[in-house]
N, C-alpha and C. Protein backbone atom coordinates (compact mmCIF):
# COMPACT_ATOMS: atom_id res chain seq x y z
N UNK A 1 0.81 -1.23 0.02
CA UNK A 1 -0.03 -0.02 -0.03
C UNK A 1 0.90 1.28 -0.03
N UNK A 2 1.97 1.23 0.81
CA UNK A 2 2.86 2.35 0.86
C UNK A 2 3.46 2.66 -0.51
N UNK A 3 3.88 1.61 -1.21
CA UNK A 3 4.48 1.82 -2.53
C UNK A 3 3.46 2.48 -3.49
N UNK A 4 2.24 1.97 -3.45
CA UNK A 4 1.22 2.46 -4.35
C UNK A 4 0.97 3.98 -4.06
N UNK A 5 0.84 4.34 -2.80
CA UNK A 5 0.62 5.70 -2.42
C UNK A 5 1.83 6.55 -2.87
N UNK A 6 3.08 6.13 -2.64
CA UNK A 6 4.24 6.86 -2.98
C UNK A 6 4.28 7.03 -4.50
N UNK A 7 3.97 5.97 -5.26
CA UNK A 7 3.97 6.10 -6.71
C UNK A 7 2.86 7.09 -7.22
N UNK A 8 1.73 7.10 -6.50
CA UNK A 8 0.66 8.03 -6.88
C UNK A 8 1.10 9.47 -6.66
N UNK A 9 1.71 9.69 -5.50
CA UNK A 9 2.15 11.07 -5.17
C UNK A 9 3.25 11.45 -6.17
N UNK A 10 4.20 10.57 -6.45
CA UNK A 10 5.25 10.92 -7.39
C UNK A 10 4.70 11.13 -8.81
N UNK A 11 3.74 10.32 -9.20
CA UNK A 11 3.17 10.48 -10.51
C UNK A 11 2.41 11.81 -10.68
N UNK A 12 1.67 12.16 -9.61
CA UNK A 12 1.00 13.51 -9.69
C UNK A 12 1.98 14.63 -9.74
N UNK A 13 2.98 14.56 -8.91
CA UNK A 13 4.03 15.61 -8.90
C UNK A 13 4.78 15.63 -10.24
N UNK A 14 5.06 14.49 -10.78
CA UNK A 14 5.75 14.41 -12.07
C UNK A 14 4.92 14.99 -13.17
N UNK A 15 3.63 14.70 -13.16
CA UNK A 15 2.77 15.24 -14.22
C UNK A 15 2.76 16.76 -14.22
N UNK A 16 2.80 17.36 -13.03
CA UNK A 16 2.89 18.80 -12.94
C UNK A 16 4.21 19.35 -13.48
N UNK A 17 5.30 18.64 -13.14
CA UNK A 17 6.62 19.04 -13.64
C UNK A 17 6.74 18.99 -15.14
N UNK A 18 6.22 17.90 -15.73
CA UNK A 18 6.30 17.72 -17.22
C UNK A 18 5.48 18.75 -17.92
N UNK A 19 4.34 19.11 -17.37
CA UNK A 19 3.50 20.15 -17.97
C UNK A 19 4.31 21.43 -18.07
N UNK A 20 5.07 21.77 -16.99
CA UNK A 20 5.86 23.03 -17.05
C UNK A 20 7.04 22.91 -17.96
N UNK A 21 7.56 21.71 -18.17
CA UNK A 21 8.64 21.53 -19.14
C UNK A 21 8.11 21.83 -20.49
N UNK A 22 6.91 21.29 -20.82
CA UNK A 22 6.31 21.55 -22.11
C UNK A 22 6.17 23.05 -22.34
N UNK A 23 5.83 23.80 -21.28
CA UNK A 23 5.67 25.27 -21.39
C UNK A 23 7.05 25.90 -21.70
N UNK A 24 8.08 25.44 -21.07
CA UNK A 24 9.39 25.99 -21.34
C UNK A 24 9.77 25.78 -22.78
N UNK A 25 9.61 24.53 -23.31
CA UNK A 25 9.89 24.25 -24.70
C UNK A 25 9.02 25.08 -25.61
N UNK A 26 7.79 25.27 -25.29
CA UNK A 26 6.84 26.03 -26.09
C UNK A 26 7.31 27.50 -26.16
N UNK A 27 7.67 28.04 -24.98
CA UNK A 27 8.15 29.42 -24.97
C UNK A 27 9.41 29.57 -25.81
N UNK A 28 10.30 28.64 -25.60
CA UNK A 28 11.58 28.67 -26.38
C UNK A 28 11.32 28.60 -27.87
N UNK A 29 10.30 27.72 -28.23
CA UNK A 29 10.04 27.54 -29.66
C UNK A 29 9.20 28.63 -30.24
N UNK A 30 8.67 29.52 -29.42
CA UNK A 30 7.80 30.60 -29.91
C UNK A 30 8.63 31.89 -30.18
N UNK A 31 9.89 31.69 -30.39
CA UNK A 31 10.76 32.86 -30.65
C UNK A 31 10.30 33.48 -31.97
N UNK A 32 10.54 34.78 -32.10
CA UNK A 32 10.15 35.48 -33.32
C UNK A 32 10.75 34.82 -34.58
N UNK A 33 10.05 34.95 -35.62
CA UNK A 33 10.53 34.31 -36.89
C UNK A 33 11.88 34.83 -37.29
N UNK A 34 12.21 36.10 -36.92
CA UNK A 34 13.46 36.68 -37.28
C UNK A 34 14.63 35.92 -36.63
N UNK A 35 14.33 35.22 -35.54
CA UNK A 35 15.39 34.45 -34.86
C UNK A 35 15.65 33.11 -35.56
N UNK A 36 14.76 32.72 -36.48
CA UNK A 36 14.91 31.44 -37.17
C UNK A 36 16.02 31.59 -38.16
N UNK A 37 16.82 30.51 -38.32
CA UNK A 37 17.96 30.55 -39.29
C UNK A 37 17.44 30.60 -40.75
N UNK A 38 18.16 31.32 -41.55
CA UNK A 38 17.76 31.43 -42.94
C UNK A 38 18.23 30.14 -43.64
N UNK A 39 19.35 29.67 -43.38
CA UNK A 39 19.90 28.45 -43.98
C UNK A 39 20.81 27.77 -42.97
N UNK A 40 20.68 26.48 -42.80
CA UNK A 40 21.50 25.79 -41.86
C UNK A 40 20.98 25.90 -40.46
N UNK A 41 21.75 25.47 -39.50
CA UNK A 41 21.34 25.46 -38.10
C UNK A 41 22.17 26.42 -37.28
N UNK A 42 21.54 26.91 -36.20
CA UNK A 42 22.27 27.79 -35.29
C UNK A 42 22.79 26.97 -34.08
N UNK A 43 22.71 25.68 -34.13
CA UNK A 43 23.19 24.87 -33.00
C UNK A 43 24.61 24.41 -33.27
N UNK A 44 25.42 24.47 -32.21
CA UNK A 44 26.77 23.97 -32.30
C UNK A 44 26.79 22.47 -32.43
N UNK A 45 27.90 21.90 -32.93
CA UNK A 45 27.96 20.44 -33.06
C UNK A 45 27.68 19.70 -31.73
N UNK A 46 28.15 20.25 -30.62
CA UNK A 46 27.87 19.66 -29.33
C UNK A 46 26.39 19.71 -28.96
N UNK A 47 25.75 20.83 -29.26
CA UNK A 47 24.31 20.92 -28.96
C UNK A 47 23.54 19.99 -29.93
N UNK A 48 23.95 19.84 -31.16
CA UNK A 48 23.33 18.95 -32.09
C UNK A 48 23.44 17.51 -31.57
N UNK A 49 24.62 17.15 -31.03
CA UNK A 49 24.79 15.81 -30.51
C UNK A 49 23.89 15.58 -29.30
N UNK A 50 23.78 16.59 -28.46
CA UNK A 50 22.84 16.45 -27.32
C UNK A 50 21.44 16.23 -27.81
N UNK A 51 20.97 16.95 -28.83
CA UNK A 51 19.61 16.75 -29.31
C UNK A 51 19.49 15.33 -29.85
N UNK A 52 20.48 14.86 -30.60
CA UNK A 52 20.42 13.49 -31.14
C UNK A 52 20.35 12.47 -30.02
N UNK A 53 21.21 12.63 -29.04
CA UNK A 53 21.24 11.66 -27.90
C UNK A 53 19.97 11.70 -27.06
N UNK A 54 19.47 12.91 -26.80
CA UNK A 54 18.24 13.04 -26.01
C UNK A 54 17.04 12.51 -26.75
N UNK A 55 17.01 12.74 -28.10
CA UNK A 55 15.94 12.18 -28.91
C UNK A 55 15.96 10.65 -28.98
N UNK A 56 17.16 10.09 -29.01
CA UNK A 56 17.22 8.64 -29.06
C UNK A 56 16.86 8.08 -27.69
N UNK A 57 17.18 8.75 -26.60
CA UNK A 57 16.86 8.30 -25.28
C UNK A 57 15.31 8.31 -25.10
N UNK A 58 14.71 9.42 -25.58
CA UNK A 58 13.21 9.48 -25.48
C UNK A 58 12.58 8.36 -26.33
N UNK A 59 13.06 8.21 -27.56
CA UNK A 59 12.51 7.13 -28.42
C UNK A 59 12.63 5.74 -27.84
N UNK A 60 13.79 5.50 -27.20
CA UNK A 60 14.04 4.18 -26.61
C UNK A 60 13.09 3.97 -25.41
N UNK A 61 13.00 5.02 -24.57
CA UNK A 61 12.13 4.83 -23.39
C UNK A 61 10.64 4.73 -23.83
N UNK A 62 10.21 5.40 -24.84
CA UNK A 62 8.85 5.22 -25.27
C UNK A 62 8.62 3.86 -25.84
N UNK A 63 9.51 3.36 -26.72
CA UNK A 63 9.38 2.08 -27.35
C UNK A 63 9.39 0.96 -26.28
N UNK A 64 10.36 1.06 -25.38
CA UNK A 64 10.45 0.01 -24.31
C UNK A 64 9.27 0.06 -23.37
N UNK A 65 8.72 1.21 -23.14
CA UNK A 65 7.61 1.36 -22.23
C UNK A 65 6.33 0.86 -22.86
N UNK A 66 6.21 0.97 -24.19
CA UNK A 66 5.07 0.42 -24.91
C UNK A 66 5.11 -1.13 -24.81
N UNK A 67 6.27 -1.68 -24.89
CA UNK A 67 6.43 -3.13 -24.74
C UNK A 67 6.07 -3.54 -23.27
N UNK A 68 6.45 -2.70 -22.33
CA UNK A 68 6.17 -2.97 -20.89
C UNK A 68 4.65 -3.07 -20.69
N UNK A 69 3.87 -2.24 -21.37
CA UNK A 69 2.41 -2.28 -21.15
C UNK A 69 1.89 -3.70 -21.57
N UNK A 70 2.58 -4.38 -22.48
CA UNK A 70 2.10 -5.71 -22.91
C UNK A 70 2.82 -6.84 -22.12
N UNK A 71 4.12 -6.70 -21.86
CA UNK A 71 4.88 -7.82 -21.36
C UNK A 71 5.13 -7.85 -19.84
N UNK A 72 4.89 -6.72 -19.19
CA UNK A 72 5.11 -6.69 -17.72
C UNK A 72 4.06 -7.43 -16.99
N UNK A 73 4.40 -7.95 -15.83
CA UNK A 73 3.46 -8.70 -15.03
C UNK A 73 3.08 -7.81 -13.79
N UNK A 74 3.97 -6.97 -13.37
CA UNK A 74 3.71 -6.19 -12.10
C UNK A 74 2.92 -4.89 -12.49
N UNK A 75 1.80 -4.65 -11.86
CA UNK A 75 1.02 -3.43 -12.17
C UNK A 75 1.80 -2.12 -11.92
N UNK A 76 2.70 -2.10 -10.97
CA UNK A 76 3.49 -0.90 -10.74
C UNK A 76 4.44 -0.64 -11.93
N UNK A 77 5.01 -1.68 -12.49
CA UNK A 77 5.85 -1.55 -13.66
C UNK A 77 5.00 -0.99 -14.84
N UNK A 78 3.82 -1.51 -14.99
CA UNK A 78 2.92 -1.00 -16.07
C UNK A 78 2.60 0.46 -15.86
N UNK A 79 2.38 0.86 -14.62
CA UNK A 79 1.96 2.25 -14.31
C UNK A 79 3.18 3.12 -14.59
N UNK A 80 4.35 2.71 -14.15
CA UNK A 80 5.58 3.44 -14.43
C UNK A 80 5.76 3.60 -15.97
N UNK A 81 5.57 2.49 -16.70
CA UNK A 81 5.76 2.55 -18.15
C UNK A 81 4.77 3.55 -18.78
N UNK A 82 3.54 3.54 -18.35
CA UNK A 82 2.55 4.50 -18.90
C UNK A 82 3.00 5.97 -18.63
N UNK A 83 3.52 6.20 -17.48
CA UNK A 83 4.03 7.57 -17.15
C UNK A 83 5.19 7.93 -18.01
N UNK A 84 6.08 6.96 -18.28
CA UNK A 84 7.22 7.20 -19.12
C UNK A 84 6.80 7.56 -20.53
N UNK A 85 5.77 6.87 -21.05
CA UNK A 85 5.29 7.13 -22.36
C UNK A 85 4.76 8.57 -22.50
N UNK A 86 3.95 8.97 -21.50
CA UNK A 86 3.34 10.30 -21.49
C UNK A 86 4.45 11.38 -21.37
N UNK A 87 5.34 11.20 -20.41
CA UNK A 87 6.34 12.26 -20.15
C UNK A 87 7.40 12.35 -21.23
N UNK A 88 7.85 11.21 -21.72
CA UNK A 88 8.91 11.26 -22.76
C UNK A 88 8.34 11.67 -24.15
N UNK A 89 7.06 11.41 -24.35
CA UNK A 89 6.42 11.94 -25.58
C UNK A 89 6.40 13.46 -25.51
N UNK A 90 5.97 13.98 -24.38
CA UNK A 90 5.97 15.43 -24.23
C UNK A 90 7.38 16.06 -24.42
N UNK A 91 8.34 15.42 -23.74
CA UNK A 91 9.73 15.87 -23.84
C UNK A 91 10.21 15.86 -25.31
N UNK A 92 9.91 14.74 -25.98
CA UNK A 92 10.36 14.61 -27.35
C UNK A 92 9.74 15.67 -28.27
N UNK A 93 8.41 15.87 -28.15
CA UNK A 93 7.72 16.83 -28.96
C UNK A 93 8.22 18.25 -28.64
N UNK A 94 8.45 18.55 -27.37
CA UNK A 94 8.98 19.85 -26.97
C UNK A 94 10.34 20.11 -27.59
N UNK A 95 11.22 19.12 -27.47
CA UNK A 95 12.59 19.25 -27.99
C UNK A 95 12.53 19.45 -29.54
N UNK A 96 11.71 18.67 -30.20
CA UNK A 96 11.63 18.77 -31.67
C UNK A 96 11.14 20.17 -32.09
N UNK A 97 10.17 20.70 -31.39
CA UNK A 97 9.65 22.05 -31.71
C UNK A 97 10.73 23.12 -31.48
N UNK A 98 11.46 22.99 -30.35
CA UNK A 98 12.47 23.96 -30.04
C UNK A 98 13.59 23.95 -31.07
N UNK A 99 14.13 22.81 -31.44
CA UNK A 99 15.29 22.76 -32.31
C UNK A 99 14.85 23.01 -33.79
N UNK A 100 13.59 22.75 -34.12
CA UNK A 100 13.11 23.05 -35.50
C UNK A 100 13.20 24.56 -35.73
N UNK A 101 12.88 25.37 -34.71
CA UNK A 101 12.96 26.83 -34.84
C UNK A 101 14.42 27.28 -35.10
N UNK A 102 15.35 26.35 -34.74
CA UNK A 102 16.77 26.70 -34.89
C UNK A 102 17.33 26.02 -36.16
N UNK A 103 16.46 25.54 -37.03
CA UNK A 103 16.89 24.94 -38.28
C UNK A 103 17.46 23.54 -38.14
N UNK A 104 17.20 22.85 -37.08
CA UNK A 104 17.75 21.50 -36.90
C UNK A 104 16.59 20.52 -36.70
N UNK A 105 16.67 19.45 -37.43
CA UNK A 105 15.66 18.39 -37.26
C UNK A 105 16.35 17.10 -36.98
N UNK A 106 15.70 16.21 -36.27
CA UNK A 106 16.23 14.88 -36.00
C UNK A 106 15.12 13.88 -36.18
N UNK A 107 15.46 12.76 -36.60
CA UNK A 107 14.53 11.65 -36.70
C UNK A 107 14.91 10.60 -35.66
N UNK A 108 14.33 10.69 -34.49
CA UNK A 108 14.71 9.88 -33.35
C UNK A 108 14.42 8.40 -33.63
N UNK A 109 15.38 7.54 -33.32
CA UNK A 109 15.13 6.12 -33.44
C UNK A 109 15.62 5.47 -32.15
N UNK A 110 14.86 4.51 -31.73
CA UNK A 110 15.14 3.83 -30.49
C UNK A 110 16.36 2.94 -30.60
N UNK A 111 16.98 2.58 -29.52
CA UNK A 111 18.09 1.65 -29.45
C UNK A 111 17.53 0.28 -29.77
N UNK A 112 17.72 -0.17 -31.02
CA UNK A 112 17.08 -1.41 -31.53
C UNK A 112 17.57 -2.63 -30.76
N UNK A 113 18.80 -2.67 -30.37
CA UNK A 113 19.32 -3.88 -29.68
C UNK A 113 18.62 -3.97 -28.27
N UNK A 114 18.48 -2.87 -27.57
CA UNK A 114 17.86 -2.92 -26.25
C UNK A 114 16.39 -3.23 -26.35
N UNK A 115 15.68 -2.57 -27.28
CA UNK A 115 14.25 -2.82 -27.45
C UNK A 115 14.02 -4.22 -27.92
N UNK A 116 14.87 -4.69 -28.85
CA UNK A 116 14.73 -6.13 -29.33
C UNK A 116 14.92 -7.13 -28.20
N UNK A 117 15.82 -6.87 -27.27
CA UNK A 117 16.10 -7.78 -26.17
C UNK A 117 14.86 -7.79 -25.24
N UNK A 118 14.29 -6.62 -25.00
CA UNK A 118 13.16 -6.53 -24.10
C UNK A 118 11.91 -7.21 -24.74
N UNK A 119 11.80 -7.17 -26.03
CA UNK A 119 10.63 -7.82 -26.70
C UNK A 119 10.62 -9.32 -26.44
N UNK A 120 11.74 -9.93 -26.20
CA UNK A 120 11.75 -11.35 -26.05
C UNK A 120 11.44 -11.77 -24.63
N UNK A 121 11.29 -10.86 -23.70
CA UNK A 121 11.02 -11.19 -22.31
C UNK A 121 9.59 -11.01 -21.94
N UNK A 122 9.12 -11.70 -20.92
CA UNK A 122 7.78 -11.58 -20.42
C UNK A 122 7.80 -11.75 -18.91
N UNK A 123 6.70 -11.28 -18.27
CA UNK A 123 6.49 -11.53 -16.83
C UNK A 123 7.56 -10.93 -15.98
N UNK A 124 7.92 -11.58 -14.90
CA UNK A 124 8.88 -11.02 -13.97
C UNK A 124 10.28 -10.82 -14.57
N UNK A 125 10.70 -11.70 -15.51
CA UNK A 125 11.97 -11.46 -16.17
C UNK A 125 11.98 -10.13 -16.92
N UNK A 126 10.84 -9.86 -17.57
CA UNK A 126 10.70 -8.58 -18.28
C UNK A 126 10.77 -7.41 -17.24
N UNK A 127 9.99 -7.55 -16.18
CA UNK A 127 9.91 -6.50 -15.17
C UNK A 127 11.29 -6.14 -14.66
N UNK A 128 12.10 -7.20 -14.32
CA UNK A 128 13.46 -6.92 -13.79
C UNK A 128 14.31 -6.19 -14.85
N UNK A 129 14.32 -6.71 -16.06
CA UNK A 129 15.15 -6.16 -17.15
C UNK A 129 14.75 -4.75 -17.47
N UNK A 130 13.44 -4.52 -17.59
CA UNK A 130 12.93 -3.17 -17.94
C UNK A 130 13.29 -2.13 -16.86
N UNK A 131 13.09 -2.49 -15.58
CA UNK A 131 13.38 -1.55 -14.52
C UNK A 131 14.86 -1.29 -14.44
N UNK A 132 15.67 -2.34 -14.60
CA UNK A 132 17.12 -2.21 -14.57
C UNK A 132 17.64 -1.37 -15.72
N UNK A 133 17.29 -1.73 -16.98
CA UNK A 133 17.86 -1.14 -18.12
C UNK A 133 17.23 0.16 -18.59
N UNK A 134 15.93 0.29 -18.40
CA UNK A 134 15.22 1.49 -18.82
C UNK A 134 15.03 2.45 -17.64
N UNK A 135 14.51 1.88 -16.54
CA UNK A 135 14.24 2.68 -15.36
C UNK A 135 15.51 3.26 -14.74
N UNK A 136 16.49 2.37 -14.51
CA UNK A 136 17.66 2.84 -13.78
C UNK A 136 18.80 3.29 -14.76
N UNK A 137 19.27 2.38 -15.58
CA UNK A 137 20.44 2.70 -16.47
C UNK A 137 20.16 3.83 -17.43
N UNK A 138 19.06 3.72 -18.13
CA UNK A 138 18.73 4.74 -19.18
C UNK A 138 18.45 6.12 -18.50
N UNK A 139 17.85 6.11 -17.41
CA UNK A 139 17.56 7.38 -16.70
C UNK A 139 18.86 7.97 -16.11
N UNK A 140 19.75 7.15 -15.68
CA UNK A 140 21.01 7.70 -15.13
C UNK A 140 21.80 8.34 -16.30
N UNK A 141 21.82 7.66 -17.46
CA UNK A 141 22.49 8.27 -18.62
C UNK A 141 21.79 9.54 -19.02
N UNK A 142 20.47 9.58 -18.98
CA UNK A 142 19.70 10.80 -19.31
C UNK A 142 20.03 11.95 -18.35
N UNK A 143 20.10 11.60 -17.00
CA UNK A 143 20.47 12.66 -16.06
C UNK A 143 21.83 13.26 -16.39
N UNK A 144 22.83 12.35 -16.66
CA UNK A 144 24.14 12.80 -17.03
C UNK A 144 24.15 13.66 -18.30
N UNK A 145 23.42 13.25 -19.26
CA UNK A 145 23.32 13.97 -20.58
C UNK A 145 22.72 15.34 -20.40
N UNK A 146 21.59 15.44 -19.68
CA UNK A 146 20.87 16.73 -19.50
C UNK A 146 21.69 17.65 -18.61
N UNK A 147 22.35 17.02 -17.62
CA UNK A 147 23.23 17.85 -16.73
C UNK A 147 24.36 18.50 -17.46
N UNK A 148 24.95 17.68 -18.31
CA UNK A 148 26.09 18.19 -19.16
C UNK A 148 25.64 19.34 -20.04
N UNK A 149 24.45 19.20 -20.70
CA UNK A 149 23.93 20.23 -21.56
C UNK A 149 23.57 21.47 -20.77
N UNK A 150 22.95 21.27 -19.59
CA UNK A 150 22.57 22.41 -18.79
C UNK A 150 23.79 23.21 -18.31
N UNK A 151 24.86 22.54 -18.10
CA UNK A 151 26.12 23.24 -17.64
C UNK A 151 26.97 23.75 -18.79
N UNK A 152 27.04 23.02 -19.93
CA UNK A 152 28.04 23.35 -20.91
C UNK A 152 27.44 23.64 -22.32
N UNK A 153 26.14 23.59 -22.44
CA UNK A 153 25.58 23.86 -23.77
C UNK A 153 25.83 25.24 -24.22
N UNK A 154 25.82 25.44 -25.52
CA UNK A 154 26.13 26.78 -26.06
C UNK A 154 24.87 27.60 -26.46
N UNK A 155 23.78 26.89 -26.75
CA UNK A 155 22.53 27.56 -27.04
C UNK A 155 21.75 27.85 -25.72
N UNK A 156 21.50 29.10 -25.48
CA UNK A 156 20.86 29.47 -24.21
C UNK A 156 19.50 28.87 -24.00
N UNK A 157 18.70 28.77 -25.08
CA UNK A 157 17.32 28.19 -24.94
C UNK A 157 17.40 26.69 -24.74
N UNK A 158 18.26 26.02 -25.42
CA UNK A 158 18.46 24.59 -25.26
C UNK A 158 18.99 24.24 -23.86
N UNK A 159 19.94 25.07 -23.49
CA UNK A 159 20.55 24.92 -22.13
C UNK A 159 19.49 25.09 -21.03
N UNK A 160 18.65 26.12 -21.18
CA UNK A 160 17.56 26.35 -20.23
C UNK A 160 16.56 25.20 -20.20
N UNK A 161 16.23 24.72 -21.40
CA UNK A 161 15.24 23.61 -21.50
C UNK A 161 15.83 22.37 -20.87
N UNK A 162 17.11 22.11 -21.06
CA UNK A 162 17.73 20.91 -20.43
C UNK A 162 17.77 21.06 -18.90
N UNK A 163 18.10 22.25 -18.42
CA UNK A 163 18.08 22.49 -16.99
C UNK A 163 16.73 22.32 -16.41
N UNK A 164 15.69 22.75 -17.14
CA UNK A 164 14.31 22.67 -16.62
C UNK A 164 13.80 21.20 -16.66
N UNK A 165 14.29 20.42 -17.61
CA UNK A 165 13.85 19.05 -17.72
C UNK A 165 14.54 18.13 -16.70
N UNK A 166 15.68 18.56 -16.26
CA UNK A 166 16.53 17.75 -15.34
C UNK A 166 15.84 17.28 -14.07
N UNK A 167 15.10 18.08 -13.40
CA UNK A 167 14.40 17.59 -12.17
C UNK A 167 13.40 16.48 -12.46
N UNK A 168 12.71 16.56 -13.60
CA UNK A 168 11.79 15.53 -13.98
C UNK A 168 12.51 14.23 -14.30
N UNK A 169 13.61 14.27 -14.99
CA UNK A 169 14.36 13.11 -15.31
C UNK A 169 14.96 12.46 -14.03
N UNK A 170 15.45 13.32 -13.14
CA UNK A 170 15.91 12.81 -11.87
C UNK A 170 14.84 12.14 -11.10
N UNK A 171 13.64 12.71 -11.20
CA UNK A 171 12.48 12.15 -10.48
C UNK A 171 12.11 10.77 -11.09
N UNK A 172 12.27 10.65 -12.43
CA UNK A 172 12.06 9.34 -13.07
C UNK A 172 13.02 8.35 -12.51
N UNK A 173 14.28 8.77 -12.33
CA UNK A 173 15.31 7.86 -11.77
C UNK A 173 14.92 7.44 -10.37
N UNK A 174 14.50 8.39 -9.59
CA UNK A 174 14.09 8.07 -8.17
C UNK A 174 12.91 7.12 -8.15
N UNK A 175 11.96 7.32 -9.06
CA UNK A 175 10.82 6.36 -9.15
C UNK A 175 11.32 5.01 -9.52
N UNK A 176 12.23 4.91 -10.44
CA UNK A 176 12.76 3.65 -10.86
C UNK A 176 13.54 2.95 -9.70
N UNK A 177 14.30 3.74 -8.95
CA UNK A 177 15.03 3.14 -7.80
C UNK A 177 14.03 2.59 -6.79
N UNK A 178 12.94 3.29 -6.53
CA UNK A 178 11.95 2.81 -5.59
C UNK A 178 11.27 1.56 -6.21
N UNK A 179 10.98 1.54 -7.46
CA UNK A 179 10.39 0.35 -8.06
C UNK A 179 11.30 -0.83 -8.06
N UNK A 180 12.56 -0.60 -8.32
CA UNK A 180 13.55 -1.68 -8.27
C UNK A 180 13.65 -2.28 -6.89
N UNK A 181 13.61 -1.43 -5.88
CA UNK A 181 13.63 -1.90 -4.50
C UNK A 181 12.37 -2.78 -4.15
N UNK A 182 11.23 -2.29 -4.65
CA UNK A 182 10.00 -3.07 -4.39
C UNK A 182 10.02 -4.39 -5.10
N UNK A 183 10.57 -4.40 -6.33
CA UNK A 183 10.60 -5.68 -7.08
C UNK A 183 11.55 -6.66 -6.37
N UNK A 184 12.67 -6.17 -5.85
CA UNK A 184 13.60 -7.03 -5.16
C UNK A 184 12.96 -7.58 -3.85
N UNK A 185 12.18 -6.69 -3.22
CA UNK A 185 11.55 -7.10 -1.95
C UNK A 185 10.45 -8.15 -2.17
N UNK A 186 9.84 -8.18 -3.38
CA UNK A 186 8.72 -9.09 -3.66
C UNK A 186 9.20 -10.38 -4.24
N UNK A 187 10.48 -10.48 -4.64
CA UNK A 187 10.96 -11.71 -5.25
C UNK A 187 11.66 -12.66 -4.28
């Protein structure tokens, strides 16, 4: 019961945080048309790499979470997966809108090897692998990625958006850590 209540509180708080992230991306992407590049992109190679990496991370989490809705056996894992789909879809759309205004587009693709591996698993084996690889490992990489951009990015709007998204991604990691602990306790 305690885990369910904690997840509900975290999910509610997370929903509020992601809504505000969408607003930051929307504000950043509503820059005047005169700020839009005439030809090429205004993003540095490092910022472009961040966008590529963040887009792949979102796509991987969305794809893996869709599989979780079908293959997971634990209802908490399914609830976590549903929240990841909602949040990472918003993050992905927000990022795409922001960078499009800067003349950069990306076609995000999920990590095929990881998603392919998860597709072969079902039940508790899936739950463990998904929470470990998507919940914990992927979110730790995302925290590191967004932290790096927030500190060292060269585009001020992208830097601000990364800094604003960081608490939500850290919260995803905390949720995954709690979920991993609950799964270990129930096995």
